[in-house]
């Protein structure tokens, strides 16, 4: 299970920036009852779960900040609490509903966002994923959530859904980041742009954010350079290049376009690129 996105945040006047953060690793800690003598509680769940946001930036970041804080301080009652990933999703739903109804009343559809929440479930000892959205066909709007991706496959969300699905249909071998890159390059959706973002689960079932190694081409189609992108920014170039006495931004990177790069090198060696 992984989450991928672009980096574009669009504004009402048609302008945009291409370094918006849309995928997060959220720490979750669940404690048991507090001991009456020691006044301490044992931690029974300590994992990072994945959160992706789609839609209104104001709504998304309001929910994300609240979720980030609250989910580190959960406590369960043995025999009563739904100690599962769905139980965690129900807690997130309380925050999502509050933000959706309050901001929706002010900004209408422009104040709404969607969430994808994914994490390790202690009940079935596997990864479970939930989708949060709003039914806008009625007023007031109705926030809801449901489990998704119970089988292998890809799902698309947001304004670029149709464009991404079209690229995926024509290129069934593409991975999610290749699909996003194609949509951005061909400008199939003006609200989709910037570089890709990516997160997945590590060997300990904790969600982690990885940088994305992209590439640029020369005018003749030959490989110009590798580009290490993190959250829409190249932290190794231009104004973010490391200074002699400065800190280094250290991340692991995924290489989703290596097959594309290998094909470019092959064409170059075969004389197809001159």
C-alpha atoms as a PDB file:
ATOM      1  CA  UNK A   1       0.000   0.000   0.000  1.00  0.00           C
ATOM      2  CA  UNK A   2       1.369   3.417  -0.975  1.00  0.00           C
ATOM      3  CA  UNK A   3       0.133   6.976  -1.479  1.00  0.00           C
ATOM      4  CA  UNK A   4       1.209   9.225  -4.370  1.00  0.00           C
ATOM      5  CA  UNK A   5       0.276  12.778  -5.304  1.00  0.00           C
ATOM      6  CA  UNK A   6       1.330  15.870  -7.210  1.00  0.00           C
ATOM      7  CA  UNK A   7       2.504  19.052  -5.440  1.00  0.00           C
ATOM      8  CA  UNK A   8       0.233  21.768  -6.831  1.00  0.00           C
ATOM      9  CA  UNK A   9      -1.988  23.963  -4.690  1.00  0.00           C
ATOM     10  CA  UNK A  10      -4.411  26.033  -6.775  1.00  0.00           C
ATOM     11  CA  UNK A  11      -6.153  29.241  -5.772  1.00  0.00           C
ATOM     12  CA  UNK A  12      -9.472  30.743  -6.754  1.00  0.00           C
ATOM     13  CA  UNK A  13      -7.883  33.335  -9.065  1.00  0.00           C
ATOM     14  CA  UNK A  14      -6.285  30.589 -11.173  1.00  0.00           C
ATOM     15  CA  UNK A  15      -2.793  30.979  -9.721  1.00  0.00           C
ATOM     16  CA  UNK A  16      -0.926  28.129  -8.074  1.00  0.00           C
ATOM     17  CA  UNK A  17       2.234  27.001  -6.279  1.00  0.00           C
ATOM     18  CA  UNK A  18       3.958  23.671  -6.881  1.00  0.00           C
ATOM     19  CA  UNK A  19       5.330  22.793  -3.465  1.00  0.00           C
ATOM     20  CA  UNK A  20       2.225  21.965  -1.466  1.00  0.00           C
ATOM     21  CA  UNK A  21       2.513  19.014   0.923  1.00  0.00           C
ATOM     22  CA  UNK A  22      -0.300  16.514   0.357  1.00  0.00           C
ATOM     23  CA  UNK A  23       0.961  13.297   1.938  1.00  0.00           C
ATOM     24  CA  UNK A  24       1.821  12.973   5.612  1.00  0.00           C
ATOM     25  CA  UNK A  25       3.125  10.395   8.076  1.00  0.00           C
ATOM     26  CA  UNK A  26       1.063  10.797  11.262  1.00  0.00           C
ATOM     27  CA  UNK A  27       2.211   9.278  14.571  1.00  0.00           C
ATOM     28  CA  UNK A  28      -0.492   7.383  16.467  1.00  0.00           C
ATOM     29  CA  UNK A  29      -0.160   6.231  20.059  1.00  0.00           C
ATOM     30  CA  UNK A  30      -2.849   4.280  21.903  1.00  0.00           C
ATOM     31  CA  UNK A  31      -2.539   3.762  25.645  1.00  0.00           C
ATOM     32  CA  UNK A  32      -4.277   1.412  28.020  1.00  0.00           C
ATOM     33  CA  UNK A  33      -5.913   2.426  31.322  1.00  0.00           C
ATOM     34  CA  UNK A  34      -3.879   4.633  33.640  1.00  0.00           C
ATOM     35  CA  UNK A  35      -2.443   2.730  36.619  1.00  0.00           C
ATOM     36  CA  UNK A  36      -3.900   4.096  39.850  1.00  0.00           C
ATOM     37  CA  UNK A  37      -0.597   3.728  41.692  1.00  0.00           C
ATOM     38  CA  UNK A  38       2.017   4.783  39.135  1.00  0.00           C
ATOM     39  CA  UNK A  39      -0.317   7.180  37.280  1.00  0.00           C
ATOM     40  CA  UNK A  40       1.200   5.883  34.059  1.00  0.00           C
ATOM     41  CA  UNK A  41      -0.391   4.091  31.112  1.00  0.00           C
ATOM     42  CA  UNK A  42       1.158   1.396  28.946  1.00  0.00           C
ATOM     43  CA  UNK A  43       1.372   2.131  25.223  1.00  0.00           C
ATOM     44  CA  UNK A  44      -0.237  -0.695  23.206  1.00  0.00           C
ATOM     45  CA  UNK A  45      -0.023   0.878  19.741  1.00  0.00           C
ATOM     46  CA  UNK A  46       2.784   3.062  18.423  1.00  0.00           C
ATOM     47  CA  UNK A  47       2.790   3.395  14.628  1.00  0.00           C
ATOM     48  CA  UNK A  48       2.914   6.031  11.920  1.00  0.00           C
ATOM     49  CA  UNK A  49      -0.098   5.966   9.628  1.00  0.00           C
ATOM     50  CA  UNK A  50      -0.461   7.611   6.213  1.00  0.00           C
ATOM     51  CA  UNK A  51      -2.694  10.582   5.450  1.00  0.00           C
ATOM     52  CA  UNK A  52      -3.321  12.130   2.029  1.00  0.00           C
ATOM     53  CA  UNK A  53      -5.368  15.294   1.544  1.00  0.00           C
ATOM     54  CA  UNK A  54      -7.366  16.369  -1.505  1.00  0.00           C
ATOM     55  CA  UNK A  55      -9.277  19.593  -2.127  1.00  0.00           C
ATOM     56  CA  UNK A  56      -9.561  22.716   0.027  1.00  0.00           C
ATOM     57  CA  UNK A  57      -6.197  23.614   1.552  1.00  0.00           C
ATOM     58  CA  UNK A  58      -7.809  25.402   4.510  1.00  0.00           C
ATOM     59  CA  UNK A  59      -9.985  22.413   5.377  1.00  0.00           C
ATOM     60  CA  UNK A  60      -7.254  19.851   4.732  1.00  0.00           C
ATOM     61  CA  UNK A  61      -4.662  21.539   6.916  1.00  0.00           C
ATOM     62  CA  UNK A  62      -7.179  22.247   9.686  1.00  0.00           C
ATOM     63  CA  UNK A  63      -8.038  18.560   9.822  1.00  0.00           C
ATOM     64  CA  UNK A  64      -4.430  17.437   9.436  1.00  0.00           C
ATOM     65  CA  UNK A  65      -3.150  19.563  12.329  1.00  0.00           C
ATOM     66  CA  UNK A  66      -5.947  18.401  14.639  1.00  0.00           C
ATOM     67  CA  UNK A  67      -5.458  14.758  13.643  1.00  0.00           C
ATOM     68  CA  UNK A  68      -1.691  15.024  14.119  1.00  0.00           C
ATOM     69  CA  UNK A  69      -2.163  16.230  17.693  1.00  0.00           C
ATOM     70  CA  UNK A  70      -5.127  14.126  18.839  1.00  0.00           C
ATOM     71  CA  UNK A  71      -3.969  10.742  17.509  1.00  0.00           C
ATOM     72  CA  UNK A  72      -0.871  10.795  19.708  1.00  0.00           C
ATOM     73  CA  UNK A  73      -3.030  10.799  22.827  1.00  0.00           C
ATOM     74  CA  UNK A  74      -5.595   8.023  22.423  1.00  0.00           C
ATOM     75  CA  UNK A  75      -6.620   5.740  25.293  1.00  0.00           C
ATOM     76  CA  UNK A  76      -8.749   2.623  25.162  1.00  0.00           C
ATOM     77  CA  UNK A  77     -10.903   0.690  27.630  1.00  0.00           C
ATOM     78  CA  UNK A  78     -10.333  -3.086  27.326  1.00  0.00           C
ATOM     79  CA  UNK A  79     -13.495  -4.902  26.274  1.00  0.00           C
ATOM     80  CA  UNK A  80     -15.293  -1.716  25.189  1.00  0.00           C
ATOM     81  CA  UNK A  81     -13.195   0.370  22.800  1.00  0.00           C
ATOM     82  CA  UNK A  82     -13.074  -0.523  19.112  1.00  0.00           C
ATOM     83  CA  UNK A  83      -9.291  -0.975  19.114  1.00  0.00           C
ATOM     84  CA  UNK A  84      -8.812  -1.180  15.344  1.00  0.00           C
ATOM     85  CA  UNK A  85      -7.879   0.953  12.357  1.00  0.00           C
ATOM     86  CA  UNK A  86     -11.586   1.535  11.814  1.00  0.00           C
ATOM     87  CA  UNK A  87     -11.817   2.777  15.389  1.00  0.00           C
ATOM     88  CA  UNK A  88      -9.013   5.247  14.637  1.00  0.00           C
ATOM     89  CA  UNK A  89     -10.864   6.280  11.454  1.00  0.00           C
ATOM     90  CA  UNK A  90     -14.003   6.945  13.544  1.00  0.00           C
ATOM     91  CA  UNK A  91     -11.983   9.339  15.704  1.00  0.00           C
ATOM     92  CA  UNK A  92     -10.651  11.108  12.606  1.00  0.00           C
ATOM     93  CA  UNK A  93     -14.231  11.293  11.333  1.00  0.00           C
ATOM     94  CA  UNK A  94     -15.227  13.421  14.322  1.00  0.00           C
ATOM     95  CA  UNK A  95     -12.570  15.975  13.386  1.00  0.00           C
ATOM     96  CA  UNK A  96     -13.338  15.758   9.669  1.00  0.00           C
ATOM     97  CA  UNK A  97     -17.089  16.227  10.235  1.00  0.00           C
ATOM     98  CA  UNK A  98     -16.550  19.310  12.419  1.00  0.00           C
ATOM     99  CA  UNK A  99     -14.263  21.007   9.870  1.00  0.00           C
ATOM    100  CA  UNK A 100     -16.411  20.020   6.880  1.00  0.00           C
ATOM    101  CA  UNK A 101     -19.645  21.347   8.352  1.00  0.00           C
ATOM    102  CA  UNK A 102     -18.166  24.575   9.729  1.00  0.00           C
ATOM    103  CA  UNK A 103     -16.065  25.477   6.671  1.00  0.00           C
ATOM    104  CA  UNK A 104     -18.696  24.133   4.281  1.00  0.00           C
ATOM    105  CA  UNK A 105     -21.237  26.534   5.744  1.00  0.00           C
ATOM    106  CA  UNK A 106     -18.895  29.439   4.965  1.00  0.00           C
ATOM    107  CA  UNK A 107     -17.131  28.414   1.763  1.00  0.00           C
ATOM    108  CA  UNK A 108     -19.620  25.844   0.385  1.00  0.00           C
ATOM    109  CA  UNK A 109     -17.981  23.283  -1.940  1.00  0.00           C
ATOM    110  CA  UNK A 110     -14.754  25.339  -2.076  1.00  0.00           C
ATOM    111  CA  UNK A 111     -14.274  24.662   1.625  1.00  0.00           C
ATOM    112  CA  UNK A 112     -14.433  20.877   1.343  1.00  0.00           C
ATOM    113  CA  UNK A 113     -11.645  18.335   1.232  1.00  0.00           C
ATOM    114  CA  UNK A 114     -11.246  14.592   0.984  1.00  0.00           C
ATOM    115  CA  UNK A 115      -8.926  12.392   3.029  1.00  0.00           C
ATOM    116  CA  UNK A 116      -7.298   9.028   2.495  1.00  0.00           C
ATOM    117  CA  UNK A 117      -6.228   7.427   5.775  1.00  0.00           C
ATOM    118  CA  UNK A 118      -4.176   4.231   5.817  1.00  0.00           C
ATOM    119  CA  UNK A 119      -2.470   2.343   8.595  1.00  0.00           C
ATOM    120  CA  UNK A 120      -1.748  -0.857  10.445  1.00  0.00           C
ATOM    121  CA  UNK A 121      -4.833  -2.401  12.074  1.00  0.00           C
ATOM    122  CA  UNK A 122      -4.110  -4.219  15.364  1.00  0.00           C
ATOM    123  CA  UNK A 123      -7.380  -6.139  15.063  1.00  0.00           C
ATOM    124  CA  UNK A 124      -6.767  -7.927  11.748  1.00  0.00           C
ATOM    125  CA  UNK A 125      -2.956  -7.358  11.773  1.00  0.00           C
ATOM    126  CA  UNK A 126      -2.933  -5.841   8.291  1.00  0.00           C
ATOM    127  CA  UNK A 127      -3.039  -2.495   6.490  1.00  0.00           C
ATOM    128  CA  UNK A 128      -6.496  -0.934   6.102  1.00  0.00           C
ATOM    129  CA  UNK A 129      -7.386   2.212   4.169  1.00  0.00           C
ATOM    130  CA  UNK A 130     -10.336   4.598   4.545  1.00  0.00           C
ATOM    131  CA  UNK A 131     -11.720   7.355   2.331  1.00  0.00           C
ATOM    132  CA  UNK A 132     -13.383  10.473   3.778  1.00  0.00           C
ATOM    133  CA  UNK A 133     -15.644  12.628   1.621  1.00  0.00           C
ATOM    134  CA  UNK A 134     -18.848  14.676   1.710  1.00  0.00           C
ATOM    135  CA  UNK A 135     -22.210  14.102   0.074  1.00  0.00           C
ATOM    136  CA  UNK A 136     -23.029  17.542  -1.313  1.00  0.00           C
ATOM    137  CA  UNK A 137     -26.336  16.527  -2.914  1.00  0.00           C
ATOM    138  CA  UNK A 138     -28.171  17.480   0.276  1.00  0.00           C
ATOM    139  CA  UNK A 139     -28.003  20.507   2.558  1.00  0.00           C
ATOM    140  CA  UNK A 140     -26.481  20.538   5.050  1.00  0.00           C
ATOM    141  CA  UNK A 141     -23.758  18.389   3.515  1.00  0.00           C
ATOM    142  CA  UNK A 142     -23.200  14.888   4.879  1.00  0.00           C
ATOM    143  CA  UNK A 143     -19.603  13.880   5.773  1.00  0.00           C
ATOM    144  CA  UNK A 144     -18.951  10.137   5.509  1.00  0.00           C
ATOM    145  CA  UNK A 145     -16.162   7.584   5.333  1.00  0.00           C
ATOM    146  CA  UNK A 146     -15.765   4.057   4.020  1.00  0.00           C
ATOM    147  CA  UNK A 147     -13.081   1.420   3.639  1.00  0.00           C
ATOM    148  CA  UNK A 148     -11.389   1.228   0.235  1.00  0.00           C
ATOM    149  CA  UNK A 149      -8.667  -0.744  -1.540  1.00  0.00           C
ATOM    150  CA  UNK A 150      -9.614  -4.051   0.037  1.00  0.00           C
ATOM    151  CA  UNK A 151      -8.118  -5.692  -3.062  1.00  0.00           C
ATOM    152  CA  UNK A 152      -5.049  -4.891  -5.158  1.00  0.00           C
ATOM    153  CA  UNK A 153      -5.429  -1.980  -7.551  1.00  0.00           C
ATOM    154  CA  UNK A 154      -5.244   1.806  -7.870  1.00  0.00           C
ATOM    155  CA  UNK A 155      -7.807   4.476  -7.033  1.00  0.00           C
ATOM    156  CA  UNK A 156      -7.695   8.122  -8.129  1.00  0.00           C
ATOM    157  CA  UNK A 157      -9.034  11.156  -6.281  1.00  0.00           C
ATOM    158  CA  UNK A 158      -9.315  14.890  -6.819  1.00  0.00           C
ATOM    159  CA  UNK A 159      -9.674  17.135  -9.850  1.00  0.00           C
ATOM    160  CA  UNK A 160      -7.216  15.057 -11.882  1.00  0.00           C
ATOM    161  CA  UNK A 161      -9.138  11.801 -11.492  1.00  0.00           C
ATOM    162  CA  UNK A 162     -10.410  11.593 -15.072  1.00  0.00           C
ATOM    163  CA  UNK A 163      -7.034  12.529 -16.576  1.00  0.00           C
ATOM    164  CA  UNK A 164      -5.192   9.998 -14.396  1.00  0.00           C
ATOM    165  CA  UNK A 165      -7.655   7.217 -15.194  1.00  0.00           C
ATOM    166  CA  UNK A 166      -7.257   7.940 -18.905  1.00  0.00           C
ATOM    167  CA  UNK A 167      -3.455   7.723 -18.691  1.00  0.00           C
ATOM    168  CA  UNK A 168      -3.686   4.517 -16.656  1.00  0.00           C
ATOM    169  CA  UNK A 169      -6.019   2.905 -19.207  1.00  0.00           C
ATOM    170  CA  UNK A 170      -3.637   3.712 -22.077  1.00  0.00           C
ATOM    171  CA  UNK A 171      -0.524   2.736 -20.093  1.00  0.00           C
ATOM    172  CA  UNK A 172      -1.452  -0.259 -17.895  1.00  0.00           C
ATOM    173  CA  UNK A 173       2.209  -0.844 -16.979  1.00  0.00           C
ATOM    174  CA  UNK A 174       2.596   2.637 -15.442  1.00  0.00           C
ATOM    175  CA  UNK A 175       3.081   3.002 -11.691  1.00  0.00           C
ATOM    176  CA  UNK A 176       1.192   5.813  -9.871  1.00  0.00           C
ATOM    177  CA  UNK A 177       4.058   8.325 -10.092  1.00  0.00           C
ATOM    178  CA  UNK A 178       4.465   7.695 -13.815  1.00  0.00           C
ATOM    179  CA  UNK A 179       0.763   8.401 -14.234  1.00  0.00           C
ATOM    180  CA  UNK A 180       1.028  11.669 -12.298  1.00  0.00           C
ATOM    181  CA  UNK A 181       4.108  12.705 -14.270  1.00  0.00           C
ATOM    182  CA  UNK A 182       2.284  12.080 -17.565  1.00  0.00           C
ATOM    183  CA  UNK A 183      -0.741  14.117 -16.471  1.00  0.00           C
ATOM    184  CA  UNK A 184       1.544  17.007 -15.451  1.00  0.00           C
ATOM    185  CA  UNK A 185       3.705  16.891 -18.586  1.00  0.00           C
ATOM    186  CA  UNK A 186       0.755  16.842 -20.961  1.00  0.00           C
ATOM    187  CA  UNK A 187      -1.143  19.466 -18.920  1.00  0.00           C
ATOM    188  CA  UNK A 188      -4.216  17.295 -18.901  1.00  0.00           C
ATOM    189  CA  UNK A 189      -5.477  19.010 -15.728  1.00  0.00           C
ATOM    190  CA  UNK A 190      -4.306  22.525 -14.839  1.00  0.00           C
ATOM    191  CA  UNK A 191      -4.867  21.862 -11.141  1.00  0.00           C
ATOM    192  CA  UNK A 192      -2.340  18.998 -11.236  1.00  0.00           C
ATOM    193  CA  UNK A 193       1.292  20.075 -11.332  1.00  0.00           C
ATOM    194  CA  UNK A 194       4.729  20.074  -9.802  1.00  0.00           C
ATOM    195  CA  UNK A 195       6.634  16.930  -8.913  1.00  0.00           C
ATOM    196  CA  UNK A 196       5.379  13.705  -7.403  1.00  0.00           C
ATOM    197  CA  UNK A 197       5.158  12.879  -3.715  1.00  0.00           C
ATOM    198  CA  UNK A 198       5.260   9.390  -2.300  1.00  0.00           C
ATOM    199  CA  UNK A 199       4.806   7.452   0.919  1.00  0.00           C
ATOM    200  CA  UNK A 200       4.687   3.760   1.813  1.00  0.00           C
ATOM    201  CA  UNK A 201       4.935   1.364   4.740  1.00  0.00           C
ATOM    202  CA  UNK A 202       8.317   0.175   5.942  1.00  0.00           C
ATOM    203  CA  UNK A 203       9.168  -3.294   7.273  1.00  0.00           C
ATOM    204  CA  UNK A 204       7.801  -2.340  10.684  1.00  0.00           C
ATOM    205  CA  UNK A 205       4.415  -1.277   9.275  1.00  0.00           C
ATOM    206  CA  UNK A 206       5.148   2.418   9.822  1.00  0.00           C
ATOM    207  CA  UNK A 207       4.248   4.856   7.050  1.00  0.00           C
ATOM    208  CA  UNK A 208       7.258   6.780   5.744  1.00  0.00           C
ATOM    209  CA  UNK A 209       7.712   9.638   3.290  1.00  0.00           C
ATOM    210  CA  UNK A 210      10.278   9.193   0.531  1.00  0.00           C
ATOM    211  CA  UNK A 211      11.714  11.724  -1.868  1.00  0.00           C
ATOM    212  CA  UNK A 212      11.187  11.132  -5.598  1.00  0.00           C
ATOM    213  CA  UNK A 213      14.121  10.962  -7.990  1.00  0.00           C
ATOM    214  CA  UNK A 214      12.914  12.552 -11.227  1.00  0.00           C
ATOM    215  CA  UNK A 215      14.848  13.550 -14.356  1.00  0.00           C
ATOM    216  CA  UNK A 216      15.090  16.304 -16.948  1.00  0.00           C
ATOM    217  CA  UNK A 217      15.794  16.002 -20.667  1.00  0.00           C
ATOM    218  CA  UNK A 218      17.745  18.132 -23.105  1.00  0.00           C
ATOM    219  CA  UNK A 219      15.984  19.571 -26.152  1.00  0.00           C
ATOM    220  CA  UNK A 220      17.163  16.616 -28.252  1.00  0.00           C
ATOM    221  CA  UNK A 221      15.546  14.134 -25.853  1.00  0.00           C
ATOM    222  CA  UNK A 222      18.776  12.990 -24.203  1.00  0.00           C
ATOM    223  CA  UNK A 223      19.106  12.791 -20.433  1.00  0.00           C
ATOM    224  CA  UNK A 224      20.125  16.142 -18.930  1.00  0.00           C
ATOM    225  CA  UNK A 225      20.255  15.340 -15.224  1.00  0.00           C
ATOM    226  CA  UNK A 226      18.689  13.521 -12.314  1.00  0.00           C
ATOM    227  CA  UNK A 227      16.517  15.681 -10.074  1.00  0.00           C
ATOM    228  CA  UNK A 228      15.903  14.714  -6.438  1.00  0.00           C
ATOM    229  CA  UNK A 229      12.539  16.164  -5.468  1.00  0.00           C
ATOM    230  CA  UNK A 230      11.060  16.316  -1.979  1.00  0.00           C
ATOM    231  CA  UNK A 231       7.584  17.798  -1.509  1.00  0.00           C
ATOM    232  CA  UNK A 232       7.872  19.643  -4.804  1.00  0.00           C
ATOM    233  CA  UNK A 233      11.272  21.179  -3.992  1.00  0.00           C
ATOM    234  CA  UNK A 234      14.759  20.221  -5.144  1.00  0.00           C
ATOM    235  CA  UNK A 235      16.663  20.521  -1.882  1.00  0.00           C
ATOM    236  CA  UNK A 236      20.028  20.096  -3.608  1.00  0.00           C
ATOM    237  CA  UNK A 237      19.907  22.955  -6.097  1.00  0.00           C
ATOM    238  CA  UNK A 238      19.472  26.728  -6.464  1.00  0.00           C
ATOM    239  CA  UNK A 239      18.343  28.514  -3.289  1.00  0.00           C
ATOM    240  CA  UNK A 240      18.135  25.239  -1.343  1.00  0.00           C
ATOM    241  CA  UNK A 241      21.615  24.021  -2.204  1.00  0.00           C
ATOM    242  CA  UNK A 242      23.647  23.111   0.865  1.00  0.00           C
ATOM    243  CA  UNK A 243      25.983  25.821   2.132  1.00  0.00           C
ATOM    244  CA  UNK A 244      29.417  25.004   3.466  1.00  0.00           C
ATOM    245  CA  UNK A 245      28.309  25.459   7.084  1.00  0.00           C
ATOM    246  CA  UNK A 246      24.651  24.505   6.604  1.00  0.00           C
ATOM    247  CA  UNK A 247      22.586  21.449   7.391  1.00  0.00           C
ATOM    248  CA  UNK A 248      21.970  18.720   4.840  1.00  0.00           C
ATOM    249  CA  UNK A 249      18.393  17.563   4.202  1.00  0.00           C
ATOM    250  CA  UNK A 250      18.681  13.776   4.434  1.00  0.00           C
ATOM    251  CA  UNK A 251      15.909  11.623   2.928  1.00  0.00           C
ATOM    252  CA  UNK A 252      15.687   8.283   1.204  1.00  0.00           C
ATOM    253  CA  UNK A 253      14.492   8.465  -2.396  1.00  0.00           C
ATOM    254  CA  UNK A 254      12.397   6.214  -4.592  1.00  0.00           C
ATOM    255  CA  UNK A 255      13.336   5.817  -8.272  1.00  0.00           C
ATOM    256  CA  UNK A 256       9.997   5.286 -10.056  1.00  0.00           C
ATOM    257  CA  UNK A 257      11.247   6.383 -13.491  1.00  0.00           C
ATOM    258  CA  UNK A 258      14.313   4.168 -13.797  1.00  0.00           C
ATOM    259  CA  UNK A 259      12.794   2.143 -16.660  1.00  0.00           C
ATOM    260  CA  UNK A 260      12.129   5.398 -18.541  1.00  0.00           C
ATOM    261  CA  UNK A 261      15.720   6.510 -17.973  1.00  0.00           C
ATOM    262  CA  UNK A 262      17.088   3.131 -19.069  1.00  0.00           C
ATOM    263  CA  UNK A 263      15.068   3.433 -22.285  1.00  0.00           C
ATOM    264  CA  UNK A 264      16.495   6.920 -22.909  1.00  0.00           C
ATOM    265  CA  UNK A 265      20.037   5.567 -22.480  1.00  0.00           C
ATOM    266  CA  UNK A 266      19.245   2.676 -24.830  1.00  0.00           C
ATOM    267  CA  UNK A 267      17.983   5.061 -27.529  1.00  0.00           C
ATOM    268  CA  UNK A 268      21.068   7.191 -27.036  1.00  0.00           C
ATOM    269  CA  UNK A 269      23.408   4.207 -27.441  1.00  0.00           C
ATOM    270  CA  UNK A 270      21.467   2.962 -30.453  1.00  0.00           C
ATOM    271  CA  UNK A 271      21.743   6.338 -32.141  1.00  0.00           C
ATOM    272  CA  UNK A 272      18.022   7.087 -31.957  1.00  0.00           C
ATOM    273  CA  UNK A 273      18.808  10.297 -30.054  1.00  0.00           C
ATOM    274  CA  UNK A 274      21.320  12.518 -31.863  1.00  0.00           C
END
